[in-house]
Amino acid sequence: QVQLVESGGGLVQAGGSLRLSCVASGSIFRINTMAWYRQAPGKQREFVATITSGGSTNYADSVKGRFTISRENAKNTVYLQMNSLKPEDTAVYYCKQGIFDWGQGTQVTVSS
């Protein structure tokens, strides 16, 4: 059974930084594309960033230059380093593995 557990969310002031982590179990992590999505109150879930098994990355325009996705296959972990945070980054952040598997989410709140 695949399990994804996110951590690292919290409350931070605008301009600050957070690093999210997502630990995967129950799958062959190293072969899977991993991604981060987010959902703000009253809005649809949206794509943030993705990283392939080979390390290729892609980002939403809204986070380019501020967020960095990375992975550590030895630890079955994907990270999202978030710098220069803005109030509009406030959302629940979800980890996604492959096509179907989602984590439970971690709350990120950025105060102005």
C-alpha atoms as a PDB file:
ATOM      1  CA  GLN A   1       0.000   0.000   0.000  1.00  0.00           C
ATOM      2  CA  VAL A   2       1.408   3.349  -1.060  1.00  0.00           C
ATOM      3  CA  GLN A   3       1.690   5.980   1.638  1.00  0.00           C
ATOM      4  CA  LEU A   4       2.867   9.569   1.270  1.00  0.00           C
ATOM      5  CA  VAL A   5       3.477  11.670   4.372  1.00  0.00           C
ATOM      6  CA  GLU A   6       4.144  15.397   4.085  1.00  0.00           C
ATOM      7  CA  SER A   7       5.725  17.570   6.748  1.00  0.00           C
ATOM      8  CA  GLY A   8       7.337  20.970   7.139  1.00  0.00           C
ATOM      9  CA  GLY A   9       4.367  23.262   6.790  1.00  0.00           C
ATOM     10  CA  GLY A  10       3.681  26.096   9.182  1.00  0.00           C
ATOM     11  CA  LEU A  11       3.202  29.818   9.641  1.00  0.00           C
ATOM     12  CA  VAL A  12       5.805  32.169   8.187  1.00  0.00           C
ATOM     13  CA  GLN A  13       6.007  35.868   7.425  1.00  0.00           C
ATOM     14  CA  ALA A  14       6.099  37.152   3.882  1.00  0.00           C
ATOM     15  CA  GLY A  15       9.611  36.919   2.498  1.00  0.00           C
ATOM     16  CA  GLY A  16      10.430  33.918   4.636  1.00  0.00           C
ATOM     17  CA  SER A  17      11.239  30.337   3.722  1.00  0.00           C
ATOM     18  CA  LEU A  18       9.972  26.831   4.413  1.00  0.00           C
ATOM     19  CA  ARG A  19      11.051  23.394   3.270  1.00  0.00           C
ATOM     20  CA  LEU A  20       8.414  20.745   2.782  1.00  0.00           C
ATOM     21  CA  SER A  21       9.226  17.039   2.824  1.00  0.00           C
ATOM     22  CA  CYS A  22       7.287  14.063   1.554  1.00  0.00           C
ATOM     23  CA  VAL A  23       8.289  10.541   2.488  1.00  0.00           C
ATOM     24  CA  ALA A  24       6.970   7.720   0.329  1.00  0.00           C
ATOM     25  CA  SER A  25       6.527   4.087   1.255  1.00  0.00           C
ATOM     26  CA  GLY A  26       5.031   1.042  -0.383  1.00  0.00           C
ATOM     27  CA  SER A  27       6.335   1.787  -3.864  1.00  0.00           C
ATOM     28  CA  ILE A  28       9.510   1.856  -5.922  1.00  0.00           C
ATOM     29  CA  PHE A  29      10.125   5.514  -5.251  1.00  0.00           C
ATOM     30  CA  ARG A  30      13.109   6.003  -7.537  1.00  0.00           C
ATOM     31  CA  ILE A  31      11.167   5.229 -10.718  1.00  0.00           C
ATOM     32  CA  ASN A  32       8.252   7.523 -10.028  1.00  0.00           C
ATOM     33  CA  THR A  33       7.667  11.093 -11.060  1.00  0.00           C
ATOM     34  CA  MET A  34       6.914  13.146  -7.971  1.00  0.00           C
ATOM     35  CA  ALA A  35       5.027  16.408  -7.753  1.00  0.00           C
ATOM     36  CA  TRP A  36       3.748  19.065  -5.410  1.00  0.00           C
ATOM     37  CA  TYR A  37       0.309  20.622  -5.722  1.00  0.00           C
ATOM     38  CA  ARG A  38      -1.495  23.147  -3.558  1.00  0.00           C
ATOM     39  CA  GLN A  39      -5.043  24.134  -2.784  1.00  0.00           C
ATOM     40  CA  ALA A  40      -6.012  27.490  -1.347  1.00  0.00           C
ATOM     41  CA  PRO A  41      -9.362  28.025   0.396  1.00  0.00           C
ATOM     42  CA  GLY A  42     -12.178  28.238  -2.125  1.00  0.00           C
ATOM     43  CA  LYS A  43      -9.899  27.392  -5.046  1.00  0.00           C
ATOM     44  CA  GLN A  44      -9.122  24.315  -7.097  1.00  0.00           C
ATOM     45  CA  ARG A  45      -6.008  22.296  -6.488  1.00  0.00           C
ATOM     46  CA  GLU A  46      -3.184  23.558  -8.691  1.00  0.00           C
ATOM     47  CA  PHE A  47       0.149  22.276  -9.905  1.00  0.00           C
ATOM     48  CA  VAL A  48       3.276  23.653  -8.229  1.00  0.00           C
ATOM     49  CA  ALA A  49       6.272  21.593  -9.319  1.00  0.00           C
ATOM     50  CA  THR A  50       7.301  18.190 -10.558  1.00  0.00           C
ATOM     51  CA  ILE A  51      10.487  16.120 -10.749  1.00  0.00           C
ATOM     52  CA  THR A  52      11.023  13.013 -12.851  1.00  0.00           C
ATOM     53  CA  SER A  53      12.979   9.917 -11.923  1.00  0.00           C
ATOM     54  CA  GLY A  54      15.860  11.376 -13.919  1.00  0.00           C
ATOM     55  CA  GLY A  55      15.784  14.661 -12.061  1.00  0.00           C
ATOM     56  CA  SER A  56      14.127  16.865 -14.680  1.00  0.00           C
ATOM     57  CA  THR A  57      12.016  19.574 -13.092  1.00  0.00           C
ATOM     58  CA  ASN A  58       9.132  21.784 -14.085  1.00  0.00           C
ATOM     59  CA  TYR A  59       7.442  24.617 -12.216  1.00  0.00           C
ATOM     60  CA  ALA A  60       4.291  26.666 -12.287  1.00  0.00           C
ATOM     61  CA  ASP A  61       4.981  30.194 -13.479  1.00  0.00           C
ATOM     62  CA  SER A  62       3.814  31.574 -10.142  1.00  0.00           C
ATOM     63  CA  VAL A  63       6.649  29.874  -8.236  1.00  0.00           C
ATOM     64  CA  LYS A  64       9.515  29.883 -10.752  1.00  0.00           C
ATOM     65  CA  GLY A  65      12.672  31.331  -9.267  1.00  0.00           C
ATOM     66  CA  ARG A  66      11.325  31.031  -5.714  1.00  0.00           C
ATOM     67  CA  PHE A  67      10.609  27.314  -5.210  1.00  0.00           C
ATOM     68  CA  THR A  68      12.918  24.364  -5.811  1.00  0.00           C
ATOM     69  CA  ILE A  69      11.841  20.725  -5.986  1.00  0.00           C
ATOM     70  CA  SER A  70      14.388  17.998  -5.311  1.00  0.00           C
ATOM     71  CA  ARG A  71      14.457  14.340  -4.414  1.00  0.00           C
ATOM     72  CA  GLU A  72      16.619  12.000  -2.383  1.00  0.00           C
ATOM     73  CA  ASN A  73      15.964   8.480  -3.615  1.00  0.00           C
ATOM     74  CA  ALA A  74      17.973   6.841  -0.825  1.00  0.00           C
ATOM     75  CA  LYS A  75      15.469   8.303   1.640  1.00  0.00           C
ATOM     76  CA  ASN A  76      12.353   7.915  -0.553  1.00  0.00           C
ATOM     77  CA  THR A  77      11.839  11.633  -0.050  1.00  0.00           C
ATOM     78  CA  VAL A  78      10.918  14.588  -2.219  1.00  0.00           C
ATOM     79  CA  TYR A  79      11.407  18.149  -1.023  1.00  0.00           C
ATOM     80  CA  LEU A  80      10.002  21.550  -1.862  1.00  0.00           C
ATOM     81  CA  GLN A  81      12.206  24.447  -0.835  1.00  0.00           C
ATOM     82  CA  MET A  82      10.093  27.597  -0.771  1.00  0.00           C
ATOM     83  CA  ASN A  83      11.813  30.973  -0.597  1.00  0.00           C
ATOM     84  CA  SER A  84      10.527  34.549  -0.815  1.00  0.00           C
ATOM     85  CA  LEU A  85       7.108  33.376   0.276  1.00  0.00           C
ATOM     86  CA  LYS A  86       4.092  35.537  -0.438  1.00  0.00           C
ATOM     87  CA  PRO A  87       0.644  35.626   1.207  1.00  0.00           C
ATOM     88  CA  GLU A  88      -0.778  34.169  -2.002  1.00  0.00           C
ATOM     89  CA  ASP A  89       1.300  31.036  -1.425  1.00  0.00           C
ATOM     90  CA  THR A  90      -0.962  30.209   1.520  1.00  0.00           C
ATOM     91  CA  ALA A  91      -2.521  26.809   0.852  1.00  0.00           C
ATOM     92  CA  VAL A  92      -2.532  23.164   1.769  1.00  0.00           C
ATOM     93  CA  TYR A  93       0.386  21.575  -0.068  1.00  0.00           C
ATOM     94  CA  TYR A  94       0.037  18.016  -1.333  1.00  0.00           C
ATOM     95  CA  CYS A  95       2.625  15.530  -2.475  1.00  0.00           C
ATOM     96  CA  LYS A  96       1.749  13.346  -5.461  1.00  0.00           C
ATOM     97  CA  GLN A  97       3.440  10.189  -6.706  1.00  0.00           C
ATOM     98  CA  GLY A  98       2.831   9.025 -10.229  1.00  0.00           C
ATOM     99  CA  ILE A  99      -0.746   9.467 -11.414  1.00  0.00           C
ATOM    100  CA  PHE A 100      -2.953   8.355  -8.560  1.00  0.00           C
ATOM    101  CA  ASP A 101      -1.220   8.589  -5.206  1.00  0.00           C
ATOM    102  CA  TRP A 102      -1.631  11.628  -2.936  1.00  0.00           C
ATOM    103  CA  GLY A 103      -0.502  12.581   0.525  1.00  0.00           C
ATOM    104  CA  GLN A 104      -2.759  14.060   3.186  1.00  0.00           C
ATOM    105  CA  GLY A 105      -1.382  17.577   2.817  1.00  0.00           C
ATOM    106  CA  THR A 106       0.442  20.073   4.985  1.00  0.00           C
ATOM    107  CA  GLN A 107      -0.741  23.614   5.697  1.00  0.00           C
ATOM    108  CA  VAL A 108       1.411  26.570   4.697  1.00  0.00           C
ATOM    109  CA  THR A 109       0.309  29.994   5.898  1.00  0.00           C
ATOM    110  CA  VAL A 110       2.155  33.156   4.876  1.00  0.00           C
ATOM    111  CA  SER A 111       1.308  36.295   6.799  1.00  0.00           C
ATOM    112  CA  SER A 112       1.699  39.780   5.354  1.00  0.00           C
END
